[in-house]
């Protein structure tokens, strides 16, 4: 990984490894290193920030809210806030086919490659289109998520955020929908389980829309706990009828604010996370539940994202040696998106 900006500033103010352990939840040792579980290498006290340039190549028309301007807004706020000086820049490559095949069947991957047009757009659903450069962007996004897992598991970073697009949590096993083609967070989680040998992971989804694709992929997989909240009734009109024991879905009405979300986290998510004892936490980080985002009707603000992130880091310190990988999902009001990502990443840095 490459240090961004001033190398000395990037680690200024960050806790040392010893300080991080000292601040962890009491009982960290027994909780986070159960019998038979591998103790990870000593962690670098840094947050990795992955932002592959190829993710800006994908576009679905000037009218479409899921555009490369989202990544520009995040970059601008990271620079304006000065937070860019407190992260390290992560290097990544396009995702390997083997990683995709752990989640999606070969014929679906082949279809995506074949549908990329030479010009214009190929419509996979009314909201999900491919252009000439979509496939490189899709592979770059998933590749960053995999590289983030490697960096965190191998101790090169304490945690990581992936500023990537297209998003992924609506992509099912063999279905593109809701702006999503490949399920980035699922690819990352399977990589952690099957390449790095982790036994249990958790996926936290705080997008305004339910991560139906992630639920489909991991339903009834006891290694993976998924906890989420989402506006209901709302697109994709799923998530309320689940019968899978490893899914903790909390539908919330339009107008729900930070108080409702904090109650959901404390009363529903935390007991499930503690019972699952994840060895790594993945975050599908959607910021379209913000009160300024017109693609939803929830009422969150930046402090809510910072608070959620801090609580999840406490769980990660207790059970997972602090290992967290967060991947961008939704968020379409550019100003609110940039500010919310800064709040989220700042919490990761301070964690």
Foldseek 3Di string as FASTA:
>chain_A
DAQPDDNVLQAPPFDDLVVLLVPADPPQVCLAAPPPDDDFPAADRAEEEEEDPLLQVWDDDPPALPHCLLLVLQVVLCVVVVVSNRHGYFDWDFADPVLQVVQAPPVLVVVVVVQADPADWRDQDPREIHYNSRVRQLRSQLRSLQSQLVCCRNRVYLEYEYAGDDAALQAARRGDDDHHRGHSLVSNVVCCCPVVPFQAEEEEEEAQEDSVRVCRRCAQPLRYAYEYEHEPPDPPNDDPPDPGPRYHYHYDHQAAELVVVVCCCVPGVVVSLSVSLHQAYEYADAQCLDCPHPNGRHHYALVSLLVVLLVVQSSCSRHHVSYYYYYYHHDRPSNRSNSNVVSNVVSSSHD
